[in-house]
Amino acid sequence: MVSVQFAGTTQKCTACQKTVYLVDRLAADYRVFHKACFRCHHCKGTLKLGNYNSIDGVLYCRHHYDQLFKRTGSLEKSFEGLPKIVKTEKVVESKVASMFGGSREKCTGCAKTVYPIEKVSVNQAAYHKSCFKCSYGGCTINPSNYIAHEGVLFCKHHHMQLIMAKGNLSQLESEAIKESAGVAPTFVAEVIDFHAEAEAEAEVEAQPEPEPSPQC
């Protein structure tokens, strides 16, 4: 009798497109990998759930992610200085499904049913168009200009703003993403604290300076 852990699944590794067995399965950013295929795009070093970053679905270790940002000053370029090529996924709908037909897919953001007409697919995860937005500013993003940090979605503008405020991503606390969790609680707390600090500083700057008391 074949052990359950060595049994095959219907899931394919995002990196090599081969069958993933339960004993060798790793889930991150709502995608499935072999443990050996979960590597930095630049140095090919093996990654762990608590020390990776993803730009438009491309995986990087913390060191090379920070290095890429500091070297290019932008997240639009690769280490070679060439524009990044964003891989898009083709979603094939059933012939009998209509634009308003229901599906079994659930939105990663709100966990409600996603209909084809309002569906956004990234990294094998489905979202409502209204739910696919920056977790910091709430601004609209699309599959070609978003950044995922440990499962949390950001627009590039606010993600850079957070990096500049914190110094680099290595200073932000990280937690392993569990398959059933939608966001990383500690990182979201960092974002909320940063937003509150910025508002407090703005209020202090807006207050007029007290006038000097008259002298006799």
N, C-alpha and C. Protein backbone atom coordinates (compact mmCIF):
# COMPACT_ATOMS: atom_id res chain seq x y z
N MET A 1 0.85 -1.20 0.00
CA MET A 1 0.00 0.00 0.00
C MET A 1 0.88 1.25 0.00
N VAL A 2 0.62 2.17 -0.91
CA VAL A 2 1.42 3.38 -1.04
C VAL A 2 1.08 4.35 0.08
N SER A 3 2.10 4.89 0.73
CA SER A 3 1.89 5.86 1.79
C SER A 3 1.19 7.09 1.25
N VAL A 4 0.33 7.70 2.08
CA VAL A 4 -0.43 8.88 1.65
C VAL A 4 0.49 10.03 1.29
N GLN A 5 1.59 10.18 2.04
CA GLN A 5 2.47 11.33 1.81
C GLN A 5 3.19 11.27 0.46
N PHE A 6 3.27 10.06 -0.12
CA PHE A 6 3.91 9.93 -1.42
C PHE A 6 2.87 9.82 -2.54
N ALA A 7 1.61 9.99 -2.19
CA ALA A 7 0.56 9.92 -3.20
C ALA A 7 0.58 11.18 -4.06
N GLY A 8 0.25 11.03 -5.33
CA GLY A 8 0.22 12.18 -6.22
C GLY A 8 -1.00 13.05 -5.98
N THR A 9 -0.95 14.29 -6.44
CA THR A 9 -2.08 15.21 -6.34
C THR A 9 -2.36 15.74 -7.73
N THR A 10 -3.44 16.49 -7.86
CA THR A 10 -3.76 17.11 -9.14
C THR A 10 -3.05 18.45 -9.30
N GLN A 11 -2.32 18.87 -8.28
CA GLN A 11 -1.65 20.16 -8.32
C GLN A 11 -0.29 20.05 -9.02
N LYS A 12 0.07 21.12 -9.73
CA LYS A 12 1.35 21.19 -10.43
C LYS A 12 2.21 22.28 -9.80
N CYS A 13 3.50 22.04 -9.76
CA CYS A 13 4.45 23.03 -9.25
C CYS A 13 4.46 24.26 -10.16
N THR A 14 4.37 25.45 -9.57
CA THR A 14 4.37 26.68 -10.35
C THR A 14 5.65 26.86 -11.14
N ALA A 15 6.77 26.37 -10.61
CA ALA A 15 8.06 26.56 -11.25
C ALA A 15 8.34 25.57 -12.38
N CYS A 16 8.09 24.28 -12.13
CA CYS A 16 8.46 23.26 -13.12
C CYS A 16 7.27 22.58 -13.78
N GLN A 17 6.06 22.87 -13.30
CA GLN A 17 4.82 22.34 -13.87
C GLN A 17 4.70 20.82 -13.76
N LYS A 18 5.46 20.21 -12.84
CA LYS A 18 5.35 18.78 -12.60
C LYS A 18 4.48 18.52 -11.38
N THR A 19 3.99 17.29 -11.27
CA THR A 19 3.12 16.92 -10.16
C THR A 19 3.81 17.12 -8.81
N VAL A 20 3.05 17.64 -7.86
CA VAL A 20 3.58 17.87 -6.51
C VAL A 20 3.04 16.80 -5.57
N TYR A 21 3.94 16.09 -4.91
CA TYR A 21 3.53 15.10 -3.92
C TYR A 21 3.42 15.76 -2.55
N LEU A 22 2.55 15.23 -1.73
CA LEU A 22 2.28 15.85 -0.43
C LEU A 22 3.53 16.01 0.42
N VAL A 23 4.43 15.05 0.37
CA VAL A 23 5.63 15.09 1.19
C VAL A 23 6.59 16.20 0.75
N ASP A 24 6.43 16.66 -0.50
CA ASP A 24 7.36 17.65 -1.06
C ASP A 24 6.63 18.95 -1.42
N ARG A 25 5.46 19.16 -0.83
CA ARG A 25 4.60 20.29 -1.20
C ARG A 25 4.86 21.50 -0.32
N LEU A 26 4.94 22.68 -0.96
CA LEU A 26 5.09 23.95 -0.24
C LEU A 26 4.15 24.96 -0.88
N ALA A 27 3.32 25.60 -0.07
CA ALA A 27 2.35 26.58 -0.57
C ALA A 27 2.73 27.98 -0.10
N ALA A 28 2.82 28.92 -1.05
CA ALA A 28 3.17 30.30 -0.73
C ALA A 28 2.51 31.24 -1.73
N ASP A 29 1.97 32.36 -1.24
CA ASP A 29 1.29 33.34 -2.10
C ASP A 29 0.21 32.66 -2.95
N TYR A 30 -0.47 31.68 -2.35
CA TYR A 30 -1.57 30.98 -3.00
C TYR A 30 -1.11 30.19 -4.23
N ARG A 31 0.17 29.83 -4.25
CA ARG A 31 0.72 28.99 -5.30
C ARG A 31 1.38 27.77 -4.66
N VAL A 32 1.57 26.72 -5.46
CA VAL A 32 2.15 25.48 -4.96
C VAL A 32 3.50 25.25 -5.63
N PHE A 33 4.49 24.83 -4.82
CA PHE A 33 5.84 24.56 -5.32
C PHE A 33 6.34 23.23 -4.75
N HIS A 34 7.31 22.61 -5.45
CA HIS A 34 8.16 21.63 -4.79
C HIS A 34 9.08 22.43 -3.86
N LYS A 35 9.47 21.85 -2.76
CA LYS A 35 10.38 22.55 -1.85
C LYS A 35 11.68 22.93 -2.56
N ALA A 36 12.16 22.06 -3.45
CA ALA A 36 13.41 22.33 -4.15
C ALA A 36 13.25 23.39 -5.24
N CYS A 37 12.02 23.68 -5.66
CA CYS A 37 11.78 24.68 -6.71
C CYS A 37 11.49 26.06 -6.15
N PHE A 38 11.36 26.17 -4.84
CA PHE A 38 11.05 27.45 -4.20
C PHE A 38 12.37 28.20 -4.00
N ARG A 39 12.83 28.90 -5.06
CA ARG A 39 14.16 29.50 -5.08
C ARG A 39 14.13 30.96 -5.52
N CYS A 40 15.18 31.68 -5.14
CA CYS A 40 15.37 33.07 -5.57
C CYS A 40 15.60 33.10 -7.08
N HIS A 41 14.92 33.99 -7.77
CA HIS A 41 15.04 34.10 -9.22
C HIS A 41 16.45 34.50 -9.64
N HIS A 42 17.17 35.24 -8.79
CA HIS A 42 18.50 35.73 -9.16
C HIS A 42 19.62 34.76 -8.78
N CYS A 43 19.69 34.38 -7.50
CA CYS A 43 20.81 33.54 -7.05
C CYS A 43 20.48 32.05 -7.02
N LYS A 44 19.21 31.71 -7.22
CA LYS A 44 18.75 30.32 -7.22
C LYS A 44 18.87 29.67 -5.84
N GLY A 45 19.09 30.47 -4.81
CA GLY A 45 19.17 29.92 -3.46
C GLY A 45 17.80 29.49 -2.97
N THR A 46 17.75 28.42 -2.18
CA THR A 46 16.49 27.92 -1.65
C THR A 46 15.89 28.93 -0.67
N LEU A 47 14.59 29.15 -0.79
CA LEU A 47 13.89 30.11 0.06
C LEU A 47 13.06 29.39 1.11
N LYS A 48 12.70 30.14 2.15
CA LYS A 48 11.78 29.65 3.17
C LYS A 48 10.59 30.60 3.24
N LEU A 49 9.52 30.15 3.85
CA LEU A 49 8.30 30.96 3.88
C LEU A 49 8.50 32.30 4.59
N GLY A 50 9.44 32.37 5.51
CA GLY A 50 9.62 33.60 6.27
C GLY A 50 10.67 34.53 5.74
N ASN A 51 11.32 34.20 4.60
CA ASN A 51 12.42 35.06 4.15
C ASN A 51 12.43 35.28 2.64
N TYR A 52 11.26 35.39 2.04
CA TYR A 52 11.20 35.64 0.60
C TYR A 52 10.33 36.85 0.30
N ASN A 53 10.49 37.38 -0.90
CA ASN A 53 9.64 38.46 -1.39
C ASN A 53 9.24 38.15 -2.82
N SER A 54 8.10 38.65 -3.23
CA SER A 54 7.57 38.37 -4.56
C SER A 54 7.22 39.68 -5.26
N ILE A 55 7.77 39.89 -6.46
CA ILE A 55 7.45 41.06 -7.27
C ILE A 55 6.77 40.56 -8.54
N ASP A 56 5.49 40.89 -8.70
CA ASP A 56 4.73 40.44 -9.87
C ASP A 56 4.86 38.94 -10.08
N GLY A 57 4.90 38.19 -8.98
CA GLY A 57 4.98 36.74 -9.06
C GLY A 57 6.38 36.17 -9.15
N VAL A 58 7.42 37.03 -9.24
CA VAL A 58 8.81 36.57 -9.31
C VAL A 58 9.39 36.53 -7.91
N LEU A 59 9.98 35.40 -7.52
CA LEU A 59 10.49 35.21 -6.17
C LEU A 59 11.92 35.71 -6.01
N TYR A 60 12.20 36.35 -4.87
CA TYR A 60 13.56 36.80 -4.53
C TYR A 60 13.84 36.53 -3.06
N CYS A 61 15.11 36.28 -2.74
CA CYS A 61 15.51 36.23 -1.34
C CYS A 61 15.56 37.67 -0.84
N ARG A 62 15.55 37.85 0.50
CA ARG A 62 15.55 39.19 1.07
C ARG A 62 16.76 40.01 0.60
N HIS A 63 17.93 39.38 0.57
CA HIS A 63 19.17 40.09 0.22
C HIS A 63 19.10 40.65 -1.19
N HIS A 64 18.73 39.84 -2.15
CA HIS A 64 18.72 40.30 -3.53
C HIS A 64 17.51 41.19 -3.83
N TYR A 65 16.45 41.04 -3.07
CA TYR A 65 15.32 41.96 -3.23
C TYR A 65 15.74 43.38 -2.83
N ASP A 66 16.37 43.50 -1.66
CA ASP A 66 16.85 44.81 -1.21
C ASP A 66 17.92 45.35 -2.16
N GLN A 67 18.80 44.47 -2.63
CA GLN A 67 19.88 44.88 -3.53
C GLN A 67 19.31 45.39 -4.86
N LEU A 68 18.28 44.73 -5.36
CA LEU A 68 17.66 45.13 -6.62
C LEU A 68 17.06 46.52 -6.50
N PHE A 69 16.38 46.78 -5.40
CA PHE A 69 15.75 48.09 -5.21
C PHE A 69 16.80 49.19 -5.09
N LYS A 70 17.87 48.93 -4.31
CA LYS A 70 18.90 49.94 -4.10
C LYS A 70 19.72 50.19 -5.37
N ARG A 71 19.91 49.14 -6.16
CA ARG A 71 20.76 49.26 -7.36
C ARG A 71 20.05 49.99 -8.49
N THR A 72 18.77 49.67 -8.70
CA THR A 72 18.05 50.26 -9.83
C THR A 72 17.23 51.47 -9.43
N GLY A 73 16.92 51.59 -8.11
CA GLY A 73 16.07 52.69 -7.66
C GLY A 73 14.63 52.51 -8.08
N SER A 74 14.32 51.34 -8.61
CA SER A 74 12.98 51.07 -9.11
C SER A 74 12.75 49.58 -9.09
N LEU A 75 11.48 49.21 -9.05
CA LEU A 75 11.13 47.79 -9.13
C LEU A 75 10.71 47.41 -10.54
N GLU A 76 10.95 48.32 -11.50
CA GLU A 76 10.55 48.07 -12.87
C GLU A 76 11.63 47.34 -13.67
N LYS A 77 12.86 47.22 -13.11
CA LYS A 77 13.96 46.63 -13.86
C LYS A 77 14.48 45.36 -13.18
N SER A 78 15.16 44.55 -13.96
CA SER A 78 15.80 43.36 -13.43
C SER A 78 17.23 43.70 -13.06
N PHE A 79 18.00 42.73 -12.57
CA PHE A 79 19.41 42.96 -12.24
C PHE A 79 20.22 43.29 -13.50
N GLU A 80 19.76 42.84 -14.65
CA GLU A 80 20.48 43.09 -15.89
C GLU A 80 20.15 44.45 -16.47
N GLY A 81 19.23 45.19 -15.83
CA GLY A 81 18.87 46.52 -16.29
C GLY A 81 17.82 46.52 -17.38
N LEU A 82 17.30 45.36 -17.72
CA LEU A 82 16.28 45.26 -18.75
C LEU A 82 14.90 45.25 -18.11
N PRO A 83 13.91 45.76 -18.83
CA PRO A 83 12.55 45.72 -18.28
C PRO A 83 12.14 44.29 -17.99
N LYS A 84 11.42 44.11 -16.90
CA LYS A 84 10.99 42.76 -16.54
C LYS A 84 9.89 42.29 -17.48
N ILE A 85 9.89 41.02 -17.75
CA ILE A 85 8.83 40.42 -18.55
C ILE A 85 7.85 39.76 -17.60
N VAL A 86 6.65 40.26 -17.61
CA VAL A 86 5.64 39.74 -16.70
C VAL A 86 4.88 38.62 -17.39
N LYS A 87 4.88 37.47 -16.77
CA LYS A 87 4.17 36.33 -17.32
C LYS A 87 2.70 36.43 -16.97
N THR A 88 1.85 36.33 -17.98
CA THR A 88 0.42 36.38 -17.74
C THR A 88 -0.16 35.00 -17.89
N GLU A 89 -1.18 34.72 -17.12
CA GLU A 89 -1.80 33.41 -17.15
C GLU A 89 -3.06 33.45 -18.00
N LYS A 90 -3.22 32.45 -18.83
CA LYS A 90 -4.41 32.35 -19.64
C LYS A 90 -5.42 31.47 -18.91
N VAL A 91 -6.58 32.02 -18.68
CA VAL A 91 -7.62 31.29 -17.98
C VAL A 91 -8.63 30.81 -19.01
N VAL A 92 -8.78 29.50 -19.10
CA VAL A 92 -9.70 28.92 -20.06
C VAL A 92 -11.02 28.61 -19.37
N GLU A 93 -12.07 29.26 -19.79
CA GLU A 93 -13.38 29.06 -19.18
C GLU A 93 -14.09 27.90 -19.89
N SER A 94 -15.01 27.29 -19.20
CA SER A 94 -15.81 26.22 -19.77
C SER A 94 -16.69 26.77 -20.89
N LYS A 95 -16.91 25.97 -21.94
CA LYS A 95 -17.72 26.41 -23.07
C LYS A 95 -19.15 26.72 -22.67
N VAL A 96 -19.64 26.06 -21.63
CA VAL A 96 -21.02 26.27 -21.22
C VAL A 96 -21.16 27.41 -20.22
N ALA A 97 -20.03 27.95 -19.75
CA ALA A 97 -20.09 29.03 -18.77
C ALA A 97 -20.33 30.35 -19.50
N SER A 98 -21.11 31.21 -18.91
CA SER A 98 -21.36 32.53 -19.47
C SER A 98 -20.63 33.56 -18.64
N MET A 99 -20.62 34.80 -19.10
CA MET A 99 -19.93 35.86 -18.38
C MET A 99 -20.52 36.08 -17.00
N PHE A 100 -21.81 35.77 -16.84
CA PHE A 100 -22.46 35.97 -15.55
C PHE A 100 -22.69 34.65 -14.83
N GLY A 101 -22.17 33.56 -15.36
CA GLY A 101 -22.35 32.28 -14.73
C GLY A 101 -21.53 32.15 -13.46
N GLY A 102 -22.04 31.42 -12.49
CA GLY A 102 -21.34 31.22 -11.24
C GLY A 102 -20.16 30.27 -11.40
N SER A 103 -19.30 30.23 -10.43
CA SER A 103 -18.16 29.32 -10.44
C SER A 103 -17.92 28.83 -9.02
N ARG A 104 -17.04 27.85 -8.88
CA ARG A 104 -16.72 27.33 -7.55
C ARG A 104 -15.58 28.08 -6.91
N GLU A 105 -14.98 29.01 -7.65
CA GLU A 105 -13.84 29.74 -7.11
C GLU A 105 -14.29 30.79 -6.10
N LYS A 106 -13.46 30.97 -5.08
CA LYS A 106 -13.73 31.97 -4.05
C LYS A 106 -12.67 33.06 -4.13
N CYS A 107 -13.09 34.28 -3.87
CA CYS A 107 -12.17 35.41 -3.86
C CYS A 107 -11.20 35.28 -2.70
N THR A 108 -9.92 35.44 -2.97
CA THR A 108 -8.90 35.36 -1.92
C THR A 108 -9.04 36.49 -0.92
N GLY A 109 -9.59 37.63 -1.38
CA GLY A 109 -9.74 38.78 -0.49
C GLY A 109 -10.91 38.70 0.46
N CYS A 110 -12.09 38.28 -0.05
CA CYS A 110 -13.31 38.29 0.79
C CYS A 110 -13.92 36.92 0.98
N ALA A 111 -13.39 35.90 0.31
CA ALA A 111 -13.85 34.51 0.43
C ALA A 111 -15.25 34.28 -0.14
N LYS A 112 -15.76 35.22 -0.94
CA LYS A 112 -17.06 35.04 -1.59
C LYS A 112 -16.87 34.55 -3.02
N THR A 113 -17.95 34.02 -3.61
CA THR A 113 -17.89 33.48 -4.96
C THR A 113 -17.48 34.55 -5.97
N VAL A 114 -16.60 34.15 -6.90
CA VAL A 114 -16.14 35.05 -7.96
C VAL A 114 -16.81 34.66 -9.27
N TYR A 115 -17.47 35.62 -9.92
CA TYR A 115 -18.07 35.39 -11.22
C TYR A 115 -17.08 35.79 -12.32
N PRO A 116 -17.11 35.12 -13.47
CA PRO A 116 -16.12 35.37 -14.53
C PRO A 116 -16.01 36.83 -14.95
N ILE A 117 -17.12 37.56 -14.96
CA ILE A 117 -17.09 38.94 -15.44
C ILE A 117 -16.35 39.87 -14.50
N GLU A 118 -16.20 39.49 -13.23
CA GLU A 118 -15.54 40.36 -12.25
C GLU A 118 -14.29 39.70 -11.67
N LYS A 119 -13.73 38.74 -12.39
CA LYS A 119 -12.62 37.94 -11.86
C LYS A 119 -11.26 38.47 -12.31
N VAL A 120 -10.32 38.52 -11.36
CA VAL A 120 -8.92 38.81 -11.65
C VAL A 120 -8.11 37.62 -11.17
N SER A 121 -7.28 37.03 -12.04
CA SER A 121 -6.48 35.85 -11.68
C SER A 121 -5.01 36.21 -11.67
N VAL A 122 -4.35 35.97 -10.52
CA VAL A 122 -2.91 36.17 -10.40
C VAL A 122 -2.33 35.04 -9.56
N ASN A 123 -1.25 34.45 -10.04
CA ASN A 123 -0.55 33.41 -9.28
C ASN A 123 -1.49 32.31 -8.79
N GLN A 124 -2.40 31.92 -9.66
CA GLN A 124 -3.35 30.84 -9.38
C GLN A 124 -4.31 31.19 -8.25
N ALA A 125 -4.50 32.45 -7.98
CA ALA A 125 -5.47 32.92 -6.99
C ALA A 125 -6.48 33.81 -7.70
N ALA A 126 -7.73 33.77 -7.27
CA ALA A 126 -8.79 34.55 -7.88
C ALA A 126 -9.24 35.67 -6.95
N TYR A 127 -9.53 36.83 -7.51
CA TYR A 127 -10.02 37.98 -6.75
C TYR A 127 -11.19 38.61 -7.49
N HIS A 128 -12.08 39.29 -6.74
CA HIS A 128 -12.97 40.25 -7.37
C HIS A 128 -12.11 41.44 -7.78
N LYS A 129 -12.49 42.13 -8.84
CA LYS A 129 -11.74 43.32 -9.25
C LYS A 129 -11.69 44.35 -8.13
N SER A 130 -12.80 44.46 -7.38
CA SER A 130 -12.85 45.44 -6.29
C SER A 130 -12.02 45.02 -5.08
N CYS A 131 -11.69 43.73 -4.96
CA CYS A 131 -10.90 43.23 -3.83
C CYS A 131 -9.40 43.21 -4.13
N PHE A 132 -9.05 43.34 -5.40
CA PHE A 132 -7.64 43.32 -5.79
C PHE A 132 -7.10 44.73 -5.68
N LYS A 133 -6.68 45.11 -4.48
CA LYS A 133 -6.24 46.48 -4.23
C LYS A 133 -5.12 46.50 -3.20
N CYS A 134 -4.46 47.64 -3.10
CA CYS A 134 -3.34 47.83 -2.17
C CYS A 134 -3.85 47.75 -0.73
N SER A 135 -3.22 46.93 0.10
CA SER A 135 -3.66 46.76 1.48
C SER A 135 -3.32 47.95 2.35
N TYR A 136 -2.46 48.84 1.86
CA TYR A 136 -2.08 50.02 2.64
C TYR A 136 -2.94 51.23 2.28
N GLY A 137 -2.97 51.59 1.00
CA GLY A 137 -3.71 52.78 0.59
C GLY A 137 -5.09 52.49 0.04
N GLY A 138 -5.39 51.21 -0.23
CA GLY A 138 -6.69 50.87 -0.79
C GLY A 138 -6.82 51.23 -2.26
N CYS A 139 -5.72 51.63 -2.89
CA CYS A 139 -5.77 52.05 -4.29
C CYS A 139 -5.84 50.83 -5.22
N THR A 140 -6.39 51.05 -6.39
CA THR A 140 -6.58 49.98 -7.37
C THR A 140 -5.24 49.53 -7.95
N ILE A 141 -5.07 48.22 -8.09
CA ILE A 141 -3.88 47.66 -8.72
C ILE A 141 -4.31 46.70 -9.81
N ASN A 142 -3.38 46.25 -10.62
CA ASN A 142 -3.70 45.25 -11.64
C ASN A 142 -2.58 44.22 -11.69
N PRO A 143 -2.79 43.10 -12.38
CA PRO A 143 -1.80 42.01 -12.35
C PRO A 143 -0.40 42.37 -12.84
N SER A 144 -0.23 43.52 -13.49
CA SER A 144 1.10 43.88 -14.00
C SER A 144 1.82 44.92 -13.15
N ASN A 145 1.18 45.43 -12.09
CA ASN A 145 1.85 46.48 -11.31
C ASN A 145 1.67 46.33 -9.81
N TYR A 146 1.55 45.09 -9.34
CA TYR A 146 1.38 44.88 -7.91
C TYR A 146 2.62 44.22 -7.32
N ILE A 147 2.73 44.28 -5.99
CA ILE A 147 3.81 43.61 -5.26
C ILE A 147 3.18 42.85 -4.11
N ALA A 148 3.59 41.60 -3.92
CA ALA A 148 3.10 40.80 -2.81
C ALA A 148 4.23 40.57 -1.82
N HIS A 149 4.03 41.00 -0.59
CA HIS A 149 5.02 40.76 0.45
C HIS A 149 4.41 39.81 1.46
N GLU A 150 4.86 38.55 1.44
CA GLU A 150 4.36 37.50 2.33
C GLU A 150 2.83 37.42 2.30
N GLY A 151 2.29 37.50 1.08
CA GLY A 151 0.86 37.33 0.90
C GLY A 151 0.04 38.60 0.98
N VAL A 152 0.66 39.73 1.31
CA VAL A 152 -0.05 41.00 1.42
C VAL A 152 0.18 41.81 0.15
N LEU A 153 -0.90 42.31 -0.46
CA LEU A 153 -0.81 43.03 -1.72
C LEU A 153 -0.53 44.51 -1.51
N PHE A 154 0.33 45.08 -2.35
CA PHE A 154 0.63 46.51 -2.32
C PHE A 154 0.74 47.05 -3.74
N CYS A 155 0.41 48.33 -3.90
CA CYS A 155 0.78 49.02 -5.14
C CYS A 155 2.26 49.37 -5.01
N LYS A 156 2.93 49.62 -6.13
CA LYS A 156 4.37 49.87 -6.08
C LYS A 156 4.70 51.18 -5.36
N HIS A 157 3.81 52.18 -5.49
CA HIS A 157 4.07 53.47 -4.85
C HIS A 157 4.13 53.34 -3.33
N HIS A 158 3.10 52.71 -2.74
CA HIS A 158 3.07 52.61 -1.28
C HIS A 158 4.09 51.61 -0.76
N HIS A 159 4.41 50.58 -1.55
CA HIS A 159 5.43 49.63 -1.12
C HIS A 159 6.79 50.31 -1.04
N MET A 160 7.12 51.15 -2.03
CA MET A 160 8.38 51.90 -1.99
C MET A 160 8.39 52.87 -0.81
N GLN A 161 7.23 53.48 -0.55
CA GLN A 161 7.12 54.42 0.57
C GLN A 161 7.43 53.73 1.89
N LEU A 162 6.94 52.51 2.05
CA LEU A 162 7.20 51.75 3.27
C LEU A 162 8.67 51.36 3.38
N ILE A 163 9.27 50.99 2.25
CA ILE A 163 10.69 50.63 2.26
C ILE A 163 11.54 51.83 2.66
N MET A 164 11.23 53.00 2.09
CA MET A 164 12.00 54.20 2.40
C MET A 164 11.85 54.58 3.87
N ALA A 165 10.67 54.35 4.44
CA ALA A 165 10.43 54.69 5.84
C ALA A 165 11.13 53.73 6.79
N LYS A 166 11.17 52.43 6.41
CA LYS A 166 11.72 51.41 7.30
C LYS A 166 13.19 51.11 7.03
N GLY A 167 13.73 51.59 5.91
CA GLY A 167 15.13 51.33 5.58
C GLY A 167 15.26 50.20 4.58
N ASN A 168 14.80 49.01 4.95
CA ASN A 168 14.75 47.88 4.02
C ASN A 168 13.82 46.83 4.60
N LEU A 169 13.47 45.86 3.78
CA LEU A 169 12.49 44.87 4.20
C LEU A 169 13.01 43.94 5.27
N SER A 170 14.32 43.86 5.43
CA SER A 170 14.89 42.99 6.44
C SER A 170 14.56 43.48 7.84
N GLN A 171 14.21 44.76 7.97
CA GLN A 171 13.89 45.32 9.27
C GLN A 171 12.43 45.10 9.64
N LEU A 172 11.63 44.68 8.68
CA LEU A 172 10.23 44.40 8.96
C LEU A 172 10.08 42.98 9.48
N GLU A 173 9.32 42.81 10.52
CA GLU A 173 9.11 41.47 11.07
C GLU A 173 8.32 40.66 10.05
N SER A 174 8.67 39.39 9.93
CA SER A 174 7.98 38.52 8.98
C SER A 174 7.48 37.27 9.67
N GLU A 175 6.40 36.76 9.13
CA GLU A 175 5.83 35.52 9.64
C GLU A 175 5.54 34.60 8.46
N ALA A 176 5.64 33.31 8.68
CA ALA A 176 5.36 32.35 7.62
C ALA A 176 3.90 32.44 7.24
N ILE A 177 3.63 32.42 5.93
CA ILE A 177 2.27 32.46 5.44
C ILE A 177 1.67 31.05 5.51
N LYS A 178 0.56 30.93 6.19
CA LYS A 178 -0.15 29.66 6.24
C LYS A 178 -1.15 29.64 5.09
N GLU A 179 -1.39 28.47 4.59
CA GLU A 179 -2.25 28.36 3.41
C GLU A 179 -3.65 28.90 3.67
N SER A 180 -4.11 28.78 4.91
CA SER A 180 -5.46 29.21 5.22
C SER A 180 -5.55 30.67 5.60
N ALA A 181 -4.41 31.35 5.75
CA ALA A 181 -4.42 32.74 6.19
C ALA A 181 -4.43 33.67 5.00
N GLY A 182 -5.12 34.80 5.14
CA GLY A 182 -5.19 35.76 4.05
C GLY A 182 -4.05 36.73 4.05
N VAL A 183 -3.58 37.18 5.25
CA VAL A 183 -2.50 38.15 5.35
C VAL A 183 -1.60 37.78 6.50
N ALA A 184 -0.44 38.42 6.57
CA ALA A 184 0.48 38.20 7.68
C ALA A 184 0.19 39.25 8.74
N PRO A 185 -0.33 38.88 9.94
CA PRO A 185 -0.76 39.84 10.95
C PRO A 185 0.31 40.82 11.37
N THR A 186 1.53 40.38 11.60
CA THR A 186 2.58 41.27 12.10
C THR A 186 2.90 42.35 11.09
N PHE A 187 2.97 41.97 9.81
CA PHE A 187 3.32 42.96 8.80
C PHE A 187 2.20 43.99 8.65
N VAL A 188 0.95 43.54 8.72
CA VAL A 188 -0.17 44.48 8.63
C VAL A 188 -0.13 45.44 9.80
N ALA A 189 0.24 44.97 10.99
CA ALA A 189 0.37 45.85 12.15
C ALA A 189 1.43 46.91 11.90
N GLU A 190 2.54 46.52 11.24
CA GLU A 190 3.59 47.48 10.90
C GLU A 190 3.02 48.57 10.00
N VAL A 191 2.20 48.18 9.03
CA VAL A 191 1.63 49.14 8.10
C VAL A 191 0.70 50.11 8.82
N ILE A 192 -0.13 49.59 9.72
CA ILE A 192 -1.06 50.43 10.47
C ILE A 192 -0.30 51.41 11.35
N ASP A 193 0.75 50.93 12.03
CA ASP A 193 1.55 51.80 12.89
C ASP A 193 2.20 52.91 12.08
N PHE A 194 2.73 52.56 10.90
CA PHE A 194 3.39 53.55 10.06
C PHE A 194 2.39 54.62 9.62
N HIS A 195 1.18 54.20 9.26
CA HIS A 195 0.14 55.14 8.82
C HIS A 195 -0.25 56.07 9.97
N ALA A 196 -0.38 55.53 11.18
CA ALA A 196 -0.76 56.33 12.34
C ALA A 196 0.32 57.35 12.68
N GLU A 197 1.59 56.93 12.58
CA GLU A 197 2.70 57.85 12.87
C GLU A 197 2.72 59.00 11.88
N ALA A 198 2.46 58.70 10.60
CA ALA A 198 2.47 59.74 9.58
C ALA A 198 1.36 60.76 9.82
N GLU A 199 0.17 60.29 10.23
CA GLU A 199 -0.94 61.19 10.50
C GLU A 199 -0.64 62.07 11.71
N ALA A 200 -0.03 61.48 12.75
CA ALA A 200 0.30 62.24 13.95
C ALA A 200 1.31 63.34 13.65
N GLU A 201 2.31 63.03 12.82
CA GLU A 201 3.31 64.03 12.46
C GLU A 201 2.69 65.16 11.65
N ALA A 202 1.73 64.82 10.78
CA ALA A 202 1.07 65.84 9.96
C ALA A 202 0.25 66.78 10.83
N GLU A 203 -0.40 66.25 11.89
CA GLU A 203 -1.20 67.08 12.78
C GLU A 203 -0.32 68.04 13.57
N VAL A 204 0.85 67.58 14.01
CA VAL A 204 1.77 68.44 14.76
C VAL A 204 2.28 69.57 13.89
N GLU A 205 2.62 69.26 12.63
CA GLU A 205 3.13 70.29 11.73
C GLU A 205 2.07 71.32 11.39
N ALA A 206 0.79 70.90 11.41
CA ALA A 206 -0.29 71.81 11.04
C ALA A 206 -0.63 72.80 12.15
N GLN A 207 -0.24 72.53 13.39
CA GLN A 207 -0.55 73.42 14.51
C GLN A 207 0.31 74.67 14.44
N PRO A 208 -0.32 75.88 14.62
CA PRO A 208 0.46 77.14 14.57
C PRO A 208 1.36 77.27 15.78
N GLU A 209 2.49 77.92 15.59
CA GLU A 209 3.42 78.13 16.69
C GLU A 209 2.86 79.21 17.63
N PRO A 210 3.02 79.05 18.95
CA PRO A 210 2.48 80.04 19.90
C PRO A 210 3.21 81.37 19.76
N GLU A 211 2.44 82.48 19.87
CA GLU A 211 3.03 83.81 19.77
C GLU A 211 3.77 84.14 21.06
N PRO A 212 4.91 84.84 20.95
CA PRO A 212 5.66 85.20 22.17
C PRO A 212 4.87 86.19 23.02
N SER A 213 4.96 86.04 24.34
CA SER A 213 4.24 86.92 25.26
C SER A 213 4.88 88.30 25.25
N PRO A 214 4.05 89.36 25.31
CA PRO A 214 4.59 90.74 25.29
C PRO A 214 5.43 91.02 26.52
N GLN A 215 6.49 91.78 26.32
CA GLN A 215 7.37 92.16 27.43
C GLN A 215 7.07 93.58 27.89
N CYS A 216 7.18 93.82 29.17
CA CYS A 216 6.90 95.15 29.73
C CYS A 216 8.05 96.11 29.39
